[in-house]
Amino acid sequence: MKNTLFHLTIMNPEKTIYKGEITSLIAPCETGYLGVMAGHLPLAANIVSGRIIVRRGEEEPQVFNCRDKGFLEVLGNNVTLLLMG
């Protein structure tokens, strides 16, 4: 069976905002909203202000309002969001 979970860490310079296993991520990037799921190809993107949507299976999605710029990295089944403010 294919693994549908991947690890997400969202942090800013002061603290870790979110850390856990999720099924999908939608993040605001310079070119529009970007969706990430398990097995995504390696990627780096600039984050802009907007809504970050985190889903885990059938649970209610968690929504984080991003007011700052930042950076997103997808490498293997690990995604890191660094927010600059």
N, C-alpha and C. Protein backbone atom coordinates (compact mmCIF):
# COMPACT_ATOMS: atom_id res chain seq x y z
N MET A 1 0.83 -1.18 0.00
CA MET A 1 0.00 0.00 0.00
C MET A 1 0.88 1.25 0.00
N LYS A 2 0.52 2.23 -0.82
CA LYS A 2 1.29 3.45 -0.94
C LYS A 2 1.10 4.33 0.31
N ASN A 3 2.22 4.90 0.78
CA ASN A 3 2.16 5.79 1.93
C ASN A 3 1.55 7.12 1.50
N THR A 4 0.51 7.58 2.17
CA THR A 4 -0.14 8.83 1.82
C THR A 4 0.23 9.96 2.78
N LEU A 5 1.05 9.67 3.79
CA LEU A 5 1.45 10.69 4.76
C LEU A 5 2.86 11.21 4.46
N PHE A 6 3.07 12.46 4.80
CA PHE A 6 4.41 13.03 4.74
C PHE A 6 4.57 13.99 5.92
N HIS A 7 5.81 14.34 6.22
CA HIS A 7 6.09 15.17 7.39
C HIS A 7 6.14 16.64 7.01
N LEU A 8 5.47 17.48 7.81
CA LEU A 8 5.46 18.92 7.60
C LEU A 8 5.96 19.63 8.86
N THR A 9 6.83 20.62 8.64
CA THR A 9 7.26 21.51 9.71
C THR A 9 7.05 22.94 9.21
N ILE A 10 6.30 23.73 10.01
CA ILE A 10 6.13 25.15 9.73
C ILE A 10 6.78 25.89 10.88
N MET A 11 7.71 26.81 10.57
CA MET A 11 8.40 27.54 11.63
C MET A 11 8.68 28.97 11.22
N ASN A 12 8.88 29.81 12.23
CA ASN A 12 9.36 31.16 12.02
C ASN A 12 10.63 31.32 12.87
N PRO A 13 11.29 32.46 12.86
CA PRO A 13 12.54 32.58 13.63
C PRO A 13 12.39 32.33 15.13
N GLU A 14 11.18 32.49 15.68
CA GLU A 14 11.00 32.35 17.11
C GLU A 14 10.56 30.98 17.58
N LYS A 15 9.80 30.24 16.73
CA LYS A 15 9.24 28.98 17.22
C LYS A 15 8.78 28.09 16.07
N THR A 16 8.51 26.85 16.43
CA THR A 16 7.88 25.91 15.51
C THR A 16 6.37 26.08 15.65
N ILE A 17 5.70 26.36 14.55
CA ILE A 17 4.26 26.61 14.55
C ILE A 17 3.47 25.32 14.39
N TYR A 18 3.99 24.40 13.57
CA TYR A 18 3.30 23.12 13.33
C TYR A 18 4.36 22.08 12.99
N LYS A 19 4.15 20.87 13.50
CA LYS A 19 5.02 19.74 13.18
C LYS A 19 4.19 18.48 13.25
N GLY A 20 4.13 17.72 12.15
CA GLY A 20 3.36 16.49 12.16
C GLY A 20 3.25 15.83 10.81
N GLU A 21 2.60 14.69 10.80
CA GLU A 21 2.36 13.91 9.58
C GLU A 21 1.03 14.34 8.99
N ILE A 22 1.02 14.65 7.69
CA ILE A 22 -0.20 15.13 7.04
C ILE A 22 -0.40 14.42 5.70
N THR A 23 -1.58 14.62 5.10
CA THR A 23 -1.87 14.03 3.79
C THR A 23 -1.78 15.04 2.65
N SER A 24 -2.00 16.33 2.94
CA SER A 24 -1.84 17.34 1.88
C SER A 24 -1.60 18.72 2.47
N LEU A 25 -0.97 19.55 1.66
CA LEU A 25 -0.64 20.92 2.02
C LEU A 25 -0.98 21.81 0.84
N ILE A 26 -1.59 22.95 1.11
CA ILE A 26 -1.79 23.98 0.10
C ILE A 26 -1.17 25.25 0.65
N ALA A 27 -0.23 25.83 -0.12
CA ALA A 27 0.50 27.00 0.36
C ALA A 27 0.52 28.10 -0.69
N PRO A 28 0.47 29.37 -0.25
CA PRO A 28 0.50 30.49 -1.19
C PRO A 28 1.93 30.78 -1.66
N CYS A 29 2.16 30.67 -2.95
CA CYS A 29 3.48 30.91 -3.53
C CYS A 29 3.41 32.06 -4.52
N GLU A 30 4.54 32.53 -4.96
CA GLU A 30 4.59 33.66 -5.88
C GLU A 30 3.79 33.43 -7.16
N THR A 31 3.73 32.20 -7.62
CA THR A 31 3.05 31.89 -8.88
C THR A 31 1.62 31.40 -8.67
N GLY A 32 1.13 31.40 -7.44
CA GLY A 32 -0.21 30.93 -7.12
C GLY A 32 -0.15 29.91 -6.00
N TYR A 33 -1.28 29.33 -5.67
CA TYR A 33 -1.32 28.33 -4.61
C TYR A 33 -0.73 27.02 -5.10
N LEU A 34 0.08 26.39 -4.25
CA LEU A 34 0.78 25.16 -4.58
C LEU A 34 0.26 24.04 -3.70
N GLY A 35 -0.07 22.90 -4.30
CA GLY A 35 -0.51 21.73 -3.55
C GLY A 35 0.60 20.70 -3.47
N VAL A 36 0.76 20.10 -2.30
CA VAL A 36 1.78 19.08 -2.08
C VAL A 36 1.13 17.86 -1.44
N MET A 37 1.48 16.68 -1.95
CA MET A 37 1.05 15.42 -1.37
C MET A 37 2.26 14.51 -1.23
N ALA A 38 2.11 13.37 -0.57
CA ALA A 38 3.21 12.43 -0.39
C ALA A 38 3.79 12.04 -1.74
N GLY A 39 5.10 11.93 -1.80
CA GLY A 39 5.78 11.52 -3.02
C GLY A 39 6.01 12.65 -4.01
N HIS A 40 5.76 13.89 -3.59
CA HIS A 40 5.96 15.04 -4.48
C HIS A 40 7.43 15.13 -4.87
N LEU A 41 7.69 15.58 -6.08
CA LEU A 41 9.06 15.78 -6.53
C LEU A 41 9.73 16.89 -5.72
N PRO A 42 11.06 16.86 -5.61
CA PRO A 42 11.75 17.93 -4.89
C PRO A 42 11.41 19.30 -5.47
N LEU A 43 11.28 20.28 -4.58
CA LEU A 43 10.82 21.60 -5.00
C LEU A 43 11.25 22.64 -3.99
N ALA A 44 11.53 23.83 -4.48
CA ALA A 44 11.75 24.99 -3.61
C ALA A 44 10.91 26.12 -4.17
N ALA A 45 10.25 26.89 -3.30
CA ALA A 45 9.38 27.97 -3.75
C ALA A 45 9.36 29.09 -2.71
N ASN A 46 9.10 30.29 -3.17
CA ASN A 46 8.94 31.45 -2.29
C ASN A 46 7.48 31.52 -1.84
N ILE A 47 7.30 31.72 -0.54
CA ILE A 47 5.97 31.85 0.05
C ILE A 47 5.59 33.33 0.12
N VAL A 48 4.33 33.61 -0.12
CA VAL A 48 3.78 34.97 0.02
C VAL A 48 2.63 34.93 1.01
N SER A 49 2.07 36.09 1.33
CA SER A 49 0.96 36.10 2.28
C SER A 49 -0.27 35.40 1.69
N GLY A 50 -1.02 34.75 2.55
CA GLY A 50 -2.20 34.00 2.14
C GLY A 50 -2.53 32.94 3.19
N ARG A 51 -3.34 31.96 2.79
CA ARG A 51 -3.75 30.89 3.72
C ARG A 51 -2.96 29.62 3.45
N ILE A 52 -2.45 29.02 4.51
CA ILE A 52 -1.79 27.71 4.44
C ILE A 52 -2.80 26.70 4.95
N ILE A 53 -3.13 25.71 4.13
CA ILE A 53 -4.14 24.71 4.49
C ILE A 53 -3.47 23.36 4.66
N VAL A 54 -3.63 22.77 5.83
CA VAL A 54 -3.01 21.49 6.19
C VAL A 54 -4.12 20.47 6.41
N ARG A 55 -4.03 19.34 5.72
CA ARG A 55 -5.04 18.28 5.89
C ARG A 55 -4.37 16.98 6.35
N ARG A 56 -5.12 16.27 7.18
CA ARG A 56 -4.70 14.93 7.62
C ARG A 56 -5.91 14.03 7.49
N GLY A 57 -5.93 13.24 6.41
CA GLY A 57 -7.03 12.32 6.18
C GLY A 57 -8.37 13.03 6.10
N GLU A 58 -9.34 12.47 6.80
CA GLU A 58 -10.71 13.00 6.77
C GLU A 58 -10.96 14.06 7.85
N GLU A 59 -9.93 14.38 8.64
CA GLU A 59 -10.09 15.39 9.69
C GLU A 59 -10.35 16.77 9.07
N GLU A 60 -10.92 17.67 9.86
CA GLU A 60 -11.10 19.06 9.44
C GLU A 60 -9.72 19.65 9.13
N PRO A 61 -9.60 20.38 8.04
CA PRO A 61 -8.29 20.99 7.73
C PRO A 61 -7.93 22.07 8.74
N GLN A 62 -6.64 22.22 8.99
CA GLN A 62 -6.14 23.32 9.81
C GLN A 62 -5.72 24.43 8.86
N VAL A 63 -6.10 25.66 9.18
CA VAL A 63 -5.78 26.80 8.33
C VAL A 63 -4.92 27.77 9.14
N PHE A 64 -3.80 28.17 8.54
CA PHE A 64 -2.90 29.14 9.14
C PHE A 64 -2.88 30.36 8.22
N ASN A 65 -3.06 31.54 8.78
CA ASN A 65 -2.96 32.77 7.99
C ASN A 65 -1.51 33.22 7.96
N CYS A 66 -0.97 33.29 6.77
CA CYS A 66 0.43 33.69 6.58
C CYS A 66 0.45 35.15 6.16
N ARG A 67 1.05 35.98 6.98
CA ARG A 67 1.13 37.41 6.68
C ARG A 67 2.52 37.81 6.21
N ASP A 68 3.43 36.86 6.18
CA ASP A 68 4.82 37.15 5.87
C ASP A 68 5.29 36.36 4.66
N LYS A 69 6.43 36.78 4.15
CA LYS A 69 7.07 36.01 3.09
C LYS A 69 7.86 34.89 3.73
N GLY A 70 8.23 33.93 2.91
CA GLY A 70 9.00 32.81 3.43
C GLY A 70 9.48 31.91 2.31
N PHE A 71 9.77 30.68 2.69
CA PHE A 71 10.39 29.73 1.79
C PHE A 71 9.81 28.34 2.06
N LEU A 72 9.53 27.60 1.00
CA LEU A 72 9.02 26.23 1.11
C LEU A 72 10.01 25.29 0.44
N GLU A 73 10.32 24.18 1.12
CA GLU A 73 11.19 23.16 0.55
C GLU A 73 10.51 21.80 0.65
N VAL A 74 10.46 21.09 -0.48
CA VAL A 74 9.97 19.71 -0.50
C VAL A 74 11.17 18.84 -0.84
N LEU A 75 11.49 17.89 0.03
CA LEU A 75 12.62 17.00 -0.19
C LEU A 75 12.25 15.63 0.38
N GLY A 76 12.10 14.66 -0.50
CA GLY A 76 11.62 13.36 -0.06
C GLY A 76 10.19 13.51 0.45
N ASN A 77 9.89 12.90 1.57
CA ASN A 77 8.57 13.06 2.17
C ASN A 77 8.64 14.02 3.35
N ASN A 78 9.47 15.05 3.22
CA ASN A 78 9.59 16.10 4.22
C ASN A 78 9.37 17.45 3.57
N VAL A 79 8.50 18.24 4.18
CA VAL A 79 8.22 19.59 3.68
C VAL A 79 8.52 20.54 4.83
N THR A 80 9.26 21.60 4.53
CA THR A 80 9.57 22.62 5.52
C THR A 80 9.11 23.97 4.99
N LEU A 81 8.39 24.69 5.82
CA LEU A 81 7.95 26.05 5.52
C LEU A 81 8.64 26.97 6.53
N LEU A 82 9.49 27.87 6.03
CA LEU A 82 10.16 28.85 6.87
C LEU A 82 9.51 30.20 6.62
N LEU A 83 8.88 30.76 7.63
CA LEU A 83 8.23 32.05 7.51
C LEU A 83 9.12 33.10 8.15
N MET A 84 9.29 34.23 7.50
CA MET A 84 10.28 35.21 7.91
C MET A 84 9.83 36.23 8.95
N GLY A 85 8.63 36.14 9.43
CA GLY A 85 8.20 37.19 10.37
C GLY A 85 7.68 36.72 11.60
